Amino acid sequence: MKKAQIGQKAPLFSVSDWVQGEPTNFDQLAGRVVLVEVFQVNCPGCFLYALPQAIDFHQRYSSLGLTVLGIATAFEDFDKNTLENLVKLVNHGEVIGETLQLLDQQGILEAGRLPYGIPFPLAMDTLIKQDGDLSENHITAFIDEHIPSFEQQPATYREKVLEQVRAHLQKLEYRAQTFENYNLKGTPSHILVDKQGILRDCAFGSHPELEKQIQGLLQE
């Protein structure tokens, strides 16, 4: 699948299951600004900052032309970041792992559950189980995406990086398709697409200027 690039048509995201809301994708949302919040259920920061912000945007801007979607992904903690735990979150407000611990410590939970519901559609990223055979082409492709001008680096540096990347990829039980296709660095991350389906922003972490970006795209 073609990798996402800012200023180009946003590739369709890949999900395995819609847990809440009607299935959709960028090609079905022409004429609307689309914000996709990518999170993990075992990600305290996602629940402290990113999801509440996305809920706020949904409540204030959906009537003005914004569609907010949530995609739960997994690039680590594969025993916790599961479809089953996403369903428990949606149906019962259950949180797990580090999310449970931190939100409980901060007094955010009510009777051990999330005190707010997520009002927009939610889906699970497509996870492809690794077959155990790690090809050199896969390692090279990973390096090409993340390290510009790798072949111009000293041989000792290249050998060290190859070992590190091989070890990293061998630890992965699954490959999350949307996470990889958008070259995300972690969670929370957001994907922002304009009314013409062009990718305008794709970033990891907290971004106070995100609301201004959305406002500007709504006015285009």
N, C-alpha and C. Protein backbone atom coordinates (compact mmCIF):
# COMPACT_ATOMS: atom_id res chain seq x y z
N MET A 1 0.85 -1.20 0.00
CA MET A 1 0.00 0.00 0.00
C MET A 1 0.88 1.25 0.00
N LYS A 2 0.44 2.26 -0.73
CA LYS A 2 1.20 3.51 -0.81
C LYS A 2 1.26 4.19 0.55
N LYS A 3 2.45 4.65 0.92
CA LYS A 3 2.63 5.32 2.20
C LYS A 3 2.08 6.74 2.15
N ALA A 4 1.63 7.21 3.29
CA ALA A 4 1.03 8.54 3.39
C ALA A 4 2.09 9.63 3.25
N GLN A 5 1.73 10.71 2.56
CA GLN A 5 2.61 11.87 2.43
C GLN A 5 1.78 13.14 2.58
N ILE A 6 2.29 14.07 3.38
CA ILE A 6 1.60 15.35 3.57
C ILE A 6 1.45 16.04 2.21
N GLY A 7 0.26 16.56 1.94
CA GLY A 7 0.01 17.24 0.69
C GLY A 7 -0.46 16.34 -0.43
N GLN A 8 -0.50 15.03 -0.18
CA GLN A 8 -0.98 14.07 -1.17
C GLN A 8 -2.31 13.47 -0.70
N LYS A 9 -2.98 12.80 -1.60
CA LYS A 9 -4.22 12.12 -1.25
C LYS A 9 -3.96 11.15 -0.10
N ALA A 10 -4.80 11.23 0.93
CA ALA A 10 -4.60 10.37 2.10
C ALA A 10 -4.95 8.93 1.74
N PRO A 11 -4.05 7.98 1.94
CA PRO A 11 -4.39 6.58 1.71
C PRO A 11 -5.54 6.16 2.63
N LEU A 12 -6.37 5.26 2.15
CA LEU A 12 -7.44 4.75 3.01
C LEU A 12 -6.82 4.05 4.21
N PHE A 13 -7.39 4.30 5.38
CA PHE A 13 -6.89 3.60 6.57
C PHE A 13 -7.41 2.16 6.55
N SER A 14 -6.71 1.30 7.27
CA SER A 14 -7.06 -0.13 7.28
C SER A 14 -7.47 -0.54 8.68
N VAL A 15 -8.69 -1.01 8.83
CA VAL A 15 -9.17 -1.47 10.14
C VAL A 15 -9.75 -2.87 10.01
N SER A 16 -9.71 -3.62 11.09
CA SER A 16 -10.23 -5.00 11.08
C SER A 16 -11.68 -5.05 11.54
N ASP A 17 -12.04 -4.19 12.50
CA ASP A 17 -13.38 -4.24 13.09
C ASP A 17 -13.84 -2.84 13.47
N TRP A 18 -15.09 -2.55 13.17
CA TRP A 18 -15.73 -1.34 13.68
C TRP A 18 -16.47 -1.71 14.96
N VAL A 19 -16.05 -1.12 16.06
CA VAL A 19 -16.61 -1.45 17.37
C VAL A 19 -17.77 -0.52 17.71
N GLN A 20 -17.74 0.67 17.14
CA GLN A 20 -18.78 1.66 17.39
C GLN A 20 -18.95 2.53 16.16
N GLY A 21 -20.20 2.78 15.77
CA GLY A 21 -20.46 3.62 14.62
C GLY A 21 -20.45 2.86 13.31
N GLU A 22 -20.83 3.53 12.25
CA GLU A 22 -20.91 2.93 10.92
C GLU A 22 -19.54 2.93 10.24
N PRO A 23 -19.19 1.85 9.54
CA PRO A 23 -17.93 1.82 8.79
C PRO A 23 -17.85 2.97 7.79
N THR A 24 -16.67 3.55 7.68
CA THR A 24 -16.46 4.65 6.74
C THR A 24 -14.98 4.73 6.41
N ASN A 25 -14.62 5.66 5.54
CA ASN A 25 -13.22 5.89 5.20
C ASN A 25 -13.13 7.23 4.49
N PHE A 26 -11.92 7.65 4.19
CA PHE A 26 -11.73 8.99 3.63
C PHE A 26 -12.50 9.19 2.33
N ASP A 27 -12.59 8.15 1.50
CA ASP A 27 -13.27 8.30 0.22
C ASP A 27 -14.78 8.48 0.37
N GLN A 28 -15.31 8.18 1.54
CA GLN A 28 -16.74 8.35 1.79
C GLN A 28 -17.05 9.66 2.53
N LEU A 29 -16.02 10.43 2.82
CA LEU A 29 -16.19 11.63 3.63
C LEU A 29 -15.78 12.89 2.87
N ALA A 30 -15.86 12.85 1.57
CA ALA A 30 -15.52 14.03 0.75
C ALA A 30 -16.41 15.20 1.16
N GLY A 31 -15.81 16.37 1.25
CA GLY A 31 -16.55 17.56 1.65
C GLY A 31 -16.52 17.83 3.14
N ARG A 32 -15.94 16.90 3.90
CA ARG A 32 -15.80 17.10 5.34
C ARG A 32 -14.33 17.04 5.73
N VAL A 33 -13.96 17.80 6.74
CA VAL A 33 -12.63 17.69 7.34
C VAL A 33 -12.67 16.46 8.25
N VAL A 34 -11.62 15.65 8.20
CA VAL A 34 -11.61 14.41 8.98
C VAL A 34 -10.41 14.40 9.93
N LEU A 35 -10.69 14.18 11.20
CA LEU A 35 -9.65 14.00 12.21
C LEU A 35 -9.71 12.56 12.70
N VAL A 36 -8.63 11.83 12.52
CA VAL A 36 -8.53 10.47 13.03
C VAL A 36 -7.59 10.48 14.23
N GLU A 37 -8.11 10.09 15.39
CA GLU A 37 -7.29 9.99 16.60
C GLU A 37 -6.84 8.54 16.73
N VAL A 38 -5.53 8.34 16.66
CA VAL A 38 -4.96 7.00 16.76
C VAL A 38 -4.43 6.82 18.19
N PHE A 39 -4.91 5.78 18.87
CA PHE A 39 -4.57 5.59 20.28
C PHE A 39 -4.37 4.11 20.58
N GLN A 40 -3.87 3.82 21.76
CA GLN A 40 -3.83 2.45 22.26
C GLN A 40 -4.63 2.42 23.57
N VAL A 41 -5.27 1.31 23.84
CA VAL A 41 -6.02 1.24 25.09
C VAL A 41 -5.07 1.24 26.30
N ASN A 42 -3.85 0.75 26.11
CA ASN A 42 -2.85 0.80 27.18
C ASN A 42 -1.92 1.99 26.94
N CYS A 43 -2.49 3.19 27.03
CA CYS A 43 -1.76 4.44 26.76
C CYS A 43 -2.38 5.53 27.61
N PRO A 44 -1.85 5.79 28.81
CA PRO A 44 -2.44 6.78 29.70
C PRO A 44 -2.60 8.16 29.07
N GLY A 45 -1.59 8.61 28.32
CA GLY A 45 -1.64 9.93 27.71
C GLY A 45 -2.78 10.07 26.72
N CYS A 46 -3.13 8.97 26.08
CA CYS A 46 -4.25 9.00 25.14
C CYS A 46 -5.54 9.39 25.85
N PHE A 47 -5.72 8.87 27.07
CA PHE A 47 -6.96 9.09 27.81
C PHE A 47 -6.92 10.37 28.65
N LEU A 48 -5.72 10.82 28.97
CA LEU A 48 -5.60 12.07 29.73
C LEU A 48 -5.76 13.29 28.85
N TYR A 49 -5.26 13.22 27.62
CA TYR A 49 -5.20 14.41 26.78
C TYR A 49 -5.88 14.24 25.41
N ALA A 50 -5.42 13.26 24.64
CA ALA A 50 -5.81 13.19 23.24
C ALA A 50 -7.30 12.88 23.05
N LEU A 51 -7.80 11.85 23.71
CA LEU A 51 -9.21 11.50 23.52
C LEU A 51 -10.15 12.57 24.06
N PRO A 52 -9.91 13.15 25.25
CA PRO A 52 -10.77 14.26 25.67
C PRO A 52 -10.76 15.43 24.69
N GLN A 53 -9.58 15.74 24.12
CA GLN A 53 -9.51 16.81 23.13
C GLN A 53 -10.33 16.45 21.89
N ALA A 54 -10.21 15.20 21.42
CA ALA A 54 -10.95 14.78 20.24
C ALA A 54 -12.46 14.81 20.49
N ILE A 55 -12.87 14.43 21.70
CA ILE A 55 -14.29 14.49 22.06
C ILE A 55 -14.78 15.94 22.04
N ASP A 56 -13.96 16.83 22.55
CA ASP A 56 -14.31 18.26 22.55
C ASP A 56 -14.48 18.77 21.13
N PHE A 57 -13.55 18.42 20.25
CA PHE A 57 -13.65 18.84 18.85
C PHE A 57 -14.90 18.27 18.20
N HIS A 58 -15.20 17.01 18.48
CA HIS A 58 -16.40 16.38 17.93
C HIS A 58 -17.65 17.15 18.36
N GLN A 59 -17.72 17.49 19.61
CA GLN A 59 -18.91 18.15 20.15
C GLN A 59 -19.07 19.56 19.58
N ARG A 60 -17.96 20.26 19.35
CA ARG A 60 -18.04 21.66 18.94
C ARG A 60 -18.01 21.88 17.43
N TYR A 61 -17.43 20.94 16.69
CA TYR A 61 -17.23 21.20 15.26
C TYR A 61 -17.91 20.21 14.32
N SER A 62 -18.51 19.16 14.83
CA SER A 62 -19.12 18.18 13.92
C SER A 62 -20.24 18.80 13.09
N SER A 63 -20.99 19.72 13.69
CA SER A 63 -22.08 20.37 12.96
C SER A 63 -21.56 21.37 11.94
N LEU A 64 -20.26 21.70 12.03
CA LEU A 64 -19.65 22.67 11.12
C LEU A 64 -18.86 22.00 9.99
N GLY A 65 -18.85 20.66 10.00
CA GLY A 65 -18.19 19.96 8.90
C GLY A 65 -17.02 19.08 9.29
N LEU A 66 -16.80 18.83 10.60
CA LEU A 66 -15.70 17.97 11.05
C LEU A 66 -16.23 16.58 11.38
N THR A 67 -15.56 15.57 10.89
CA THR A 67 -15.82 14.19 11.30
C THR A 67 -14.63 13.69 12.11
N VAL A 68 -14.89 13.21 13.30
CA VAL A 68 -13.85 12.65 14.16
C VAL A 68 -14.02 11.14 14.22
N LEU A 69 -12.92 10.43 14.04
CA LEU A 69 -12.90 8.97 14.12
C LEU A 69 -11.79 8.54 15.06
N GLY A 70 -11.94 7.40 15.69
CA GLY A 70 -10.90 6.85 16.54
C GLY A 70 -10.45 5.49 16.04
N ILE A 71 -9.14 5.29 15.96
CA ILE A 71 -8.58 3.98 15.60
C ILE A 71 -7.67 3.52 16.73
N ALA A 72 -8.02 2.40 17.34
CA ALA A 72 -7.16 1.80 18.35
C ALA A 72 -6.14 0.93 17.65
N THR A 73 -4.88 1.12 17.96
CA THR A 73 -3.81 0.39 17.30
C THR A 73 -3.01 -0.40 18.33
N ALA A 74 -1.96 -1.08 17.86
CA ALA A 74 -1.07 -1.82 18.75
C ALA A 74 0.29 -1.94 18.10
N PHE A 75 1.27 -1.26 18.68
CA PHE A 75 2.65 -1.43 18.21
C PHE A 75 3.53 -1.96 19.35
N GLU A 76 2.91 -2.23 20.50
CA GLU A 76 3.59 -2.77 21.68
C GLU A 76 2.51 -3.33 22.60
N ASP A 77 2.91 -4.00 23.68
CA ASP A 77 1.95 -4.53 24.66
C ASP A 77 0.78 -5.23 23.97
N PHE A 78 1.11 -6.18 23.12
CA PHE A 78 0.09 -6.82 22.29
C PHE A 78 -0.92 -7.63 23.11
N ASP A 79 -0.56 -7.95 24.36
CA ASP A 79 -1.51 -8.67 25.22
C ASP A 79 -2.58 -7.75 25.80
N LYS A 80 -2.33 -6.44 25.76
CA LYS A 80 -3.27 -5.47 26.33
C LYS A 80 -3.99 -4.66 25.26
N ASN A 81 -3.27 -4.30 24.20
CA ASN A 81 -3.86 -3.47 23.14
C ASN A 81 -4.60 -4.36 22.14
N THR A 82 -5.73 -4.89 22.60
CA THR A 82 -6.46 -5.89 21.84
C THR A 82 -7.86 -5.41 21.48
N LEU A 83 -8.45 -6.09 20.52
CA LEU A 83 -9.84 -5.82 20.15
C LEU A 83 -10.76 -6.08 21.34
N GLU A 84 -10.49 -7.13 22.09
CA GLU A 84 -11.32 -7.46 23.25
C GLU A 84 -11.34 -6.32 24.26
N ASN A 85 -10.18 -5.73 24.53
CA ASN A 85 -10.14 -4.63 25.50
C ASN A 85 -10.74 -3.35 24.94
N LEU A 86 -10.69 -3.17 23.62
CA LEU A 86 -11.36 -2.03 23.01
C LEU A 86 -12.87 -2.17 23.18
N VAL A 87 -13.40 -3.36 22.99
CA VAL A 87 -14.83 -3.61 23.16
C VAL A 87 -15.25 -3.36 24.61
N LYS A 88 -14.43 -3.78 25.56
CA LYS A 88 -14.74 -3.53 26.97
C LYS A 88 -14.76 -2.04 27.28
N LEU A 89 -13.85 -1.30 26.66
CA LEU A 89 -13.83 0.15 26.83
C LEU A 89 -15.12 0.78 26.31
N VAL A 90 -15.53 0.38 25.12
CA VAL A 90 -16.72 0.96 24.49
C VAL A 90 -17.98 0.58 25.25
N ASN A 91 -18.11 -0.69 25.62
CA ASN A 91 -19.34 -1.18 26.21
C ASN A 91 -19.49 -0.88 27.69
N HIS A 92 -18.35 -0.83 28.41
CA HIS A 92 -18.44 -0.73 29.86
C HIS A 92 -17.55 0.34 30.47
N GLY A 93 -16.78 1.07 29.65
CA GLY A 93 -15.86 2.07 30.19
C GLY A 93 -14.68 1.47 30.92
N GLU A 94 -14.38 0.19 30.65
CA GLU A 94 -13.27 -0.47 31.32
C GLU A 94 -11.94 -0.04 30.70
N VAL A 95 -10.97 0.25 31.56
CA VAL A 95 -9.61 0.55 31.11
C VAL A 95 -8.66 -0.44 31.76
N ILE A 96 -7.47 -0.59 31.18
CA ILE A 96 -6.56 -1.66 31.63
C ILE A 96 -5.13 -1.14 31.75
N GLY A 97 -4.30 -1.95 32.35
CA GLY A 97 -2.86 -1.72 32.37
C GLY A 97 -2.44 -0.37 32.94
N GLU A 98 -1.51 0.27 32.26
CA GLU A 98 -0.99 1.56 32.72
C GLU A 98 -2.07 2.64 32.70
N THR A 99 -3.01 2.53 31.77
CA THR A 99 -4.12 3.50 31.73
C THR A 99 -4.93 3.42 33.00
N LEU A 100 -5.27 2.22 33.41
CA LEU A 100 -6.02 2.02 34.65
C LEU A 100 -5.26 2.56 35.85
N GLN A 101 -3.98 2.24 35.94
CA GLN A 101 -3.18 2.66 37.10
C GLN A 101 -3.09 4.17 37.21
N LEU A 102 -2.76 4.84 36.10
CA LEU A 102 -2.54 6.29 36.17
C LEU A 102 -3.86 7.04 36.37
N LEU A 103 -4.90 6.65 35.65
CA LEU A 103 -6.17 7.35 35.81
C LEU A 103 -6.75 7.14 37.20
N ASP A 104 -6.50 5.96 37.77
CA ASP A 104 -6.95 5.70 39.14
C ASP A 104 -6.17 6.55 40.13
N GLN A 105 -4.85 6.65 39.94
CA GLN A 105 -4.01 7.46 40.82
C GLN A 105 -4.44 8.92 40.82
N GLN A 106 -4.89 9.41 39.66
CA GLN A 106 -5.28 10.81 39.54
C GLN A 106 -6.74 11.06 39.88
N GLY A 107 -7.43 10.01 40.31
CA GLY A 107 -8.81 10.17 40.74
C GLY A 107 -9.79 10.44 39.61
N ILE A 108 -9.43 10.03 38.41
CA ILE A 108 -10.27 10.31 37.25
C ILE A 108 -11.39 9.28 37.10
N LEU A 109 -11.12 8.04 37.50
CA LEU A 109 -12.10 6.98 37.30
C LEU A 109 -13.24 7.07 38.31
N GLU A 110 -14.37 6.55 37.93
CA GLU A 110 -15.53 6.45 38.81
C GLU A 110 -15.91 4.98 38.91
N ALA A 111 -15.83 4.44 40.12
CA ALA A 111 -16.07 3.01 40.34
C ALA A 111 -15.18 2.16 39.43
N GLY A 112 -13.95 2.65 39.23
CA GLY A 112 -12.97 1.92 38.44
C GLY A 112 -13.17 1.99 36.94
N ARG A 113 -14.08 2.86 36.49
CA ARG A 113 -14.37 2.94 35.06
C ARG A 113 -14.22 4.38 34.55
N LEU A 114 -14.04 4.50 33.26
CA LEU A 114 -13.92 5.81 32.64
C LEU A 114 -15.23 6.58 32.81
N PRO A 115 -15.17 7.82 33.29
CA PRO A 115 -16.42 8.54 33.59
C PRO A 115 -17.08 9.18 32.37
N TYR A 116 -16.48 9.02 31.21
CA TYR A 116 -17.07 9.59 29.99
C TYR A 116 -17.07 8.55 28.88
N GLY A 117 -18.03 8.66 27.99
CA GLY A 117 -18.06 7.81 26.81
C GLY A 117 -17.41 8.50 25.64
N ILE A 118 -17.00 7.72 24.67
CA ILE A 118 -16.41 8.27 23.44
C ILE A 118 -17.52 8.30 22.40
N PRO A 119 -17.94 9.48 21.94
CA PRO A 119 -19.15 9.60 21.13
C PRO A 119 -18.98 9.38 19.63
N PHE A 120 -17.76 9.26 19.15
CA PHE A 120 -17.56 9.12 17.71
C PHE A 120 -17.23 7.68 17.34
N PRO A 121 -17.27 7.33 16.05
CA PRO A 121 -16.99 5.95 15.62
C PRO A 121 -15.59 5.50 16.03
N LEU A 122 -15.49 4.22 16.40
CA LEU A 122 -14.23 3.64 16.83
C LEU A 122 -13.98 2.32 16.11
N ALA A 123 -12.74 2.10 15.72
CA ALA A 123 -12.37 0.88 15.01
C ALA A 123 -11.03 0.36 15.51
N MET A 124 -10.75 -0.89 15.19
CA MET A 124 -9.47 -1.51 15.53
C MET A 124 -8.60 -1.57 14.29
N ASP A 125 -7.38 -1.11 14.43
CA ASP A 125 -6.40 -1.18 13.34
C ASP A 125 -6.25 -2.64 12.88
N THR A 126 -5.92 -2.81 11.62
CA THR A 126 -5.65 -4.15 11.11
C THR A 126 -4.29 -4.62 11.59
N LEU A 127 -4.27 -5.70 12.33
CA LEU A 127 -3.03 -6.26 12.87
C LEU A 127 -2.70 -7.54 12.12
N ILE A 128 -1.51 -7.60 11.54
CA ILE A 128 -1.07 -8.78 10.80
C ILE A 128 0.00 -9.49 11.62
N LYS A 129 -0.26 -10.73 11.97
CA LYS A 129 0.67 -11.48 12.80
C LYS A 129 1.93 -11.80 12.02
N GLN A 130 3.07 -11.57 12.65
CA GLN A 130 4.34 -11.87 12.02
C GLN A 130 4.50 -13.38 11.88
N ASP A 131 5.07 -13.81 10.76
CA ASP A 131 5.23 -15.24 10.54
C ASP A 131 6.55 -15.79 11.06
N GLY A 132 7.35 -14.90 11.64
CA GLY A 132 8.63 -15.35 12.20
C GLY A 132 9.80 -15.23 11.25
N ASP A 133 9.52 -15.10 9.96
CA ASP A 133 10.58 -14.96 8.97
C ASP A 133 10.75 -13.48 8.62
N LEU A 134 11.85 -12.92 9.04
CA LEU A 134 12.12 -11.51 8.82
C LEU A 134 13.06 -11.36 7.64
N SER A 135 12.55 -10.83 6.55
CA SER A 135 13.35 -10.73 5.34
C SER A 135 14.26 -9.50 5.40
N GLU A 136 15.35 -9.58 4.64
CA GLU A 136 16.27 -8.45 4.55
C GLU A 136 15.58 -7.27 3.88
N ASN A 137 14.66 -7.55 2.95
CA ASN A 137 13.92 -6.47 2.29
C ASN A 137 13.07 -5.69 3.29
N HIS A 138 12.47 -6.39 4.24
CA HIS A 138 11.66 -5.74 5.27
C HIS A 138 12.53 -4.84 6.14
N ILE A 139 13.71 -5.33 6.50
CA ILE A 139 14.64 -4.54 7.32
C ILE A 139 15.10 -3.31 6.55
N THR A 140 15.45 -3.50 5.30
CA THR A 140 15.91 -2.39 4.46
C THR A 140 14.83 -1.34 4.27
N ALA A 141 13.60 -1.80 4.04
CA ALA A 141 12.49 -0.87 3.86
C ALA A 141 12.26 -0.04 5.12
N PHE A 142 12.35 -0.67 6.26
CA PHE A 142 12.18 0.03 7.54
C PHE A 142 13.25 1.11 7.70
N ILE A 143 14.50 0.77 7.39
CA ILE A 143 15.60 1.72 7.52
C ILE A 143 15.43 2.87 6.53
N ASP A 144 15.04 2.57 5.30
CA ASP A 144 14.86 3.61 4.29
C ASP A 144 13.80 4.64 4.71
N GLU A 145 12.77 4.15 5.40
CA GLU A 145 11.70 5.05 5.85
C GLU A 145 12.15 5.97 6.97
N HIS A 146 13.05 5.47 7.82
CA HIS A 146 13.37 6.19 9.06
C HIS A 146 14.73 6.86 9.08
N ILE A 147 15.64 6.45 8.19
CA ILE A 147 17.00 7.01 8.23
C ILE A 147 17.39 7.46 6.83
N PRO A 148 17.26 8.76 6.54
CA PRO A 148 17.67 9.27 5.23
C PRO A 148 19.17 9.07 4.99
N SER A 149 19.52 8.83 3.75
CA SER A 149 20.94 8.70 3.35
C SER A 149 21.68 7.62 4.15
N PHE A 150 20.99 6.54 4.45
CA PHE A 150 21.60 5.47 5.25
C PHE A 150 22.83 4.90 4.57
N GLU A 151 22.77 4.72 3.25
CA GLU A 151 23.87 4.08 2.54
C GLU A 151 25.13 4.95 2.52
N GLN A 152 24.97 6.25 2.80
CA GLN A 152 26.14 7.13 2.83
C GLN A 152 26.84 7.15 4.20
N GLN A 153 26.26 6.46 5.16
CA GLN A 153 26.84 6.44 6.50
C GLN A 153 28.02 5.46 6.57
N PRO A 154 28.89 5.63 7.58
CA PRO A 154 30.03 4.71 7.72
C PRO A 154 29.58 3.26 7.93
N ALA A 155 30.39 2.32 7.50
CA ALA A 155 30.03 0.90 7.55
C ALA A 155 29.74 0.44 8.97
N THR A 156 30.55 0.88 9.94
CA THR A 156 30.33 0.45 11.33
C THR A 156 28.98 0.93 11.84
N TYR A 157 28.60 2.14 11.45
CA TYR A 157 27.30 2.68 11.85
C TYR A 157 26.18 1.86 11.22
N ARG A 158 26.31 1.54 9.93
CA ARG A 158 25.27 0.78 9.23
C ARG A 158 25.09 -0.60 9.87
N GLU A 159 26.19 -1.24 10.21
CA GLU A 159 26.11 -2.57 10.83
C GLU A 159 25.39 -2.51 12.17
N LYS A 160 25.67 -1.50 12.95
CA LYS A 160 25.03 -1.35 14.25
C LYS A 160 23.53 -1.11 14.10
N VAL A 161 23.17 -0.25 13.16
CA VAL A 161 21.76 0.04 12.93
C VAL A 161 21.02 -1.20 12.43
N LEU A 162 21.64 -1.95 11.53
CA LEU A 162 21.02 -3.18 11.03
C LEU A 162 20.72 -4.15 12.16
N GLU A 163 21.65 -4.30 13.09
CA GLU A 163 21.43 -5.18 14.23
C GLU A 163 20.29 -4.68 15.11
N GLN A 164 20.25 -3.37 15.34
CA GLN A 164 19.21 -2.80 16.19
C GLN A 164 17.83 -2.94 15.54
N VAL A 165 17.75 -2.66 14.25
CA VAL A 165 16.46 -2.76 13.56
C VAL A 165 15.99 -4.21 13.51
N ARG A 166 16.91 -5.14 13.23
CA ARG A 166 16.55 -6.56 13.20
C ARG A 166 16.00 -7.00 14.56
N ALA A 167 16.66 -6.59 15.64
CA ALA A 167 16.20 -6.95 16.98
C ALA A 167 14.84 -6.34 17.29
N HIS A 168 14.65 -5.09 16.87
CA HIS A 168 13.37 -4.42 17.11
C HIS A 168 12.24 -5.12 16.36
N LEU A 169 12.44 -5.42 15.10
CA LEU A 169 11.38 -6.01 14.29
C LEU A 169 11.08 -7.44 14.73
N GLN A 170 12.09 -8.14 15.23
CA GLN A 170 11.86 -9.51 15.69
C GLN A 170 10.99 -9.56 16.94
N LYS A 171 10.97 -8.48 17.70
CA LYS A 171 10.16 -8.42 18.92
C LYS A 171 8.67 -8.21 18.61
N LEU A 172 8.38 -7.71 17.43
CA LEU A 172 7.00 -7.38 17.10
C LEU A 172 6.20 -8.64 16.78
N GLU A 173 5.13 -8.84 17.54
CA GLU A 173 4.25 -9.98 17.26
C GLU A 173 3.32 -9.67 16.09
N TYR A 174 2.95 -8.39 15.98
CA TYR A 174 2.02 -7.98 14.94
C TYR A 174 2.53 -6.70 14.27
N ARG A 175 2.07 -6.49 13.05
CA ARG A 175 2.30 -5.22 12.36
C ARG A 175 0.96 -4.55 12.18
N ALA A 176 0.85 -3.33 12.69
CA ALA A 176 -0.40 -2.57 12.62
C ALA A 176 -0.40 -1.75 11.34
N GLN A 177 -1.36 -2.02 10.46
CA GLN A 177 -1.31 -1.49 9.11
C GLN A 177 -1.46 0.03 9.02
N THR A 178 -2.48 0.58 9.67
CA THR A 178 -2.65 2.04 9.61
C THR A 178 -1.49 2.73 10.29
N PHE A 179 -1.04 2.21 11.42
CA PHE A 179 0.10 2.77 12.14
C PHE A 179 1.32 2.83 11.23
N GLU A 180 1.57 1.76 10.49
CA GLU A 180 2.74 1.71 9.61
C GLU A 180 2.54 2.52 8.34
N ASN A 181 1.35 2.47 7.76
CA ASN A 181 1.12 3.19 6.50
C ASN A 181 1.24 4.70 6.67
N TYR A 182 0.94 5.18 7.88
CA TYR A 182 1.07 6.61 8.15
C TYR A 182 2.37 6.93 8.89
N ASN A 183 3.25 5.93 9.01
CA ASN A 183 4.58 6.13 9.59
C ASN A 183 4.49 6.84 10.95
N LEU A 184 3.57 6.38 11.79
CA LEU A 184 3.38 7.01 13.09
C LEU A 184 4.51 6.62 14.04
N LYS A 185 4.79 7.51 14.98
CA LYS A 185 5.91 7.32 15.89
C LYS A 185 5.49 6.79 17.26
N GLY A 186 4.21 6.80 17.53
CA GLY A 186 3.71 6.35 18.83
C GLY A 186 2.27 6.79 18.99
N THR A 187 1.77 6.66 20.21
CA THR A 187 0.41 7.12 20.50
C THR A 187 0.44 8.02 21.72
N PRO A 188 -0.46 9.03 21.74
CA PRO A 188 -1.47 9.32 20.73
C PRO A 188 -0.87 10.00 19.50
N SER A 189 -1.50 9.75 18.35
CA SER A 189 -1.17 10.45 17.12
C SER A 189 -2.47 10.86 16.45
N HIS A 190 -2.39 11.88 15.60
CA HIS A 190 -3.58 12.27 14.85
C HIS A 190 -3.28 12.35 13.36
N ILE A 191 -4.31 12.08 12.57
CA ILE A 191 -4.26 12.19 11.12
C ILE A 191 -5.33 13.21 10.74
N LEU A 192 -4.95 14.25 10.01
CA LEU A 192 -5.88 15.32 9.66
C LEU A 192 -5.97 15.43 8.14
N VAL A 193 -7.19 15.30 7.62
CA VAL A 193 -7.43 15.28 6.18
C VAL A 193 -8.44 16.37 5.82
N ASP A 194 -8.18 17.09 4.73
CA ASP A 194 -9.06 18.20 4.36
C ASP A 194 -10.27 17.72 3.56
N LYS A 195 -11.10 18.66 3.11
CA LYS A 195 -12.36 18.33 2.45
C LYS A 195 -12.16 17.62 1.12
N GLN A 196 -10.96 17.77 0.54
CA GLN A 196 -10.66 17.11 -0.74
C GLN A 196 -9.95 15.78 -0.55
N GLY A 197 -9.81 15.36 0.71
CA GLY A 197 -9.16 14.08 0.98
C GLY A 197 -7.65 14.15 0.98
N ILE A 198 -7.10 15.35 1.07
CA ILE A 198 -5.64 15.54 1.09
C ILE A 198 -5.14 15.49 2.53
N LEU A 199 -4.07 14.76 2.76
CA LEU A 199 -3.47 14.68 4.08
C LEU A 199 -2.77 16.00 4.41
N ARG A 200 -3.23 16.65 5.48
CA ARG A 200 -2.69 17.96 5.83
C ARG A 200 -1.79 17.92 7.07
N ASP A 201 -1.98 16.93 7.91
CA ASP A 201 -1.14 16.81 9.10
C ASP A 201 -1.19 15.37 9.60
N CYS A 202 -0.07 14.94 10.17
CA CYS A 202 0.03 13.58 10.70
C CYS A 202 1.13 13.63 11.74
N ALA A 203 0.77 13.58 13.02
CA ALA A 203 1.77 13.88 14.05
C ALA A 203 1.51 13.10 15.33
N PHE A 204 2.59 12.89 16.07
CA PHE A 204 2.58 12.17 17.34
C PHE A 204 2.62 13.16 18.50
N GLY A 205 1.86 12.88 19.55
CA GLY A 205 1.93 13.68 20.76
C GLY A 205 0.87 14.75 20.85
N SER A 206 1.09 15.68 21.77
CA SER A 206 0.14 16.75 22.03
C SER A 206 0.44 17.95 21.13
N HIS A 207 -0.61 18.52 20.52
CA HIS A 207 -0.43 19.64 19.59
C HIS A 207 -1.47 20.72 19.88
N PRO A 208 -1.13 21.72 20.68
CA PRO A 208 -2.08 22.78 21.02
C PRO A 208 -2.62 23.53 19.81
N GLU A 209 -1.86 23.54 18.70
CA GLU A 209 -2.30 24.28 17.51
C GLU A 209 -3.27 23.49 16.64
N LEU A 210 -3.59 22.26 17.04
CA LEU A 210 -4.46 21.41 16.23
C LEU A 210 -5.82 22.06 16.01
N GLU A 211 -6.37 22.71 17.02
CA GLU A 211 -7.69 23.33 16.86
C GLU A 211 -7.66 24.42 15.80
N LYS A 212 -6.60 25.23 15.77
CA LYS A 212 -6.50 26.27 14.75
C LYS A 212 -6.40 25.66 13.35
N GLN A 213 -5.69 24.55 13.25
CA GLN A 213 -5.60 23.87 11.96
C GLN A 213 -6.99 23.42 11.49
N ILE A 214 -7.74 22.84 12.40
CA ILE A 214 -9.09 22.37 12.06
C ILE A 214 -9.98 23.54 11.65
N GLN A 215 -9.91 24.62 12.41
CA GLN A 215 -10.72 25.80 12.09
C GLN A 215 -10.38 26.31 10.69
N GLY A 216 -9.09 26.34 10.36
CA GLY A 216 -8.68 26.82 9.05
C GLY A 216 -9.19 25.92 7.92
N LEU A 217 -9.12 24.61 8.13
CA LEU A 217 -9.58 23.68 7.10
C LEU A 217 -11.10 23.74 6.93
N LEU A 218 -11.81 24.00 8.01
CA LEU A 218 -13.27 24.11 7.92
C LEU A 218 -13.68 25.32 7.09
N GLN A 219 -12.83 26.34 7.07
CA GLN A 219 -13.13 27.57 6.35
C GLN A 219 -12.72 27.52 4.88
N GLU A 220 -11.95 26.52 4.51
CA GLU A 220 -11.48 26.42 3.11
C GLU A 220 -12.62 26.05 2.18
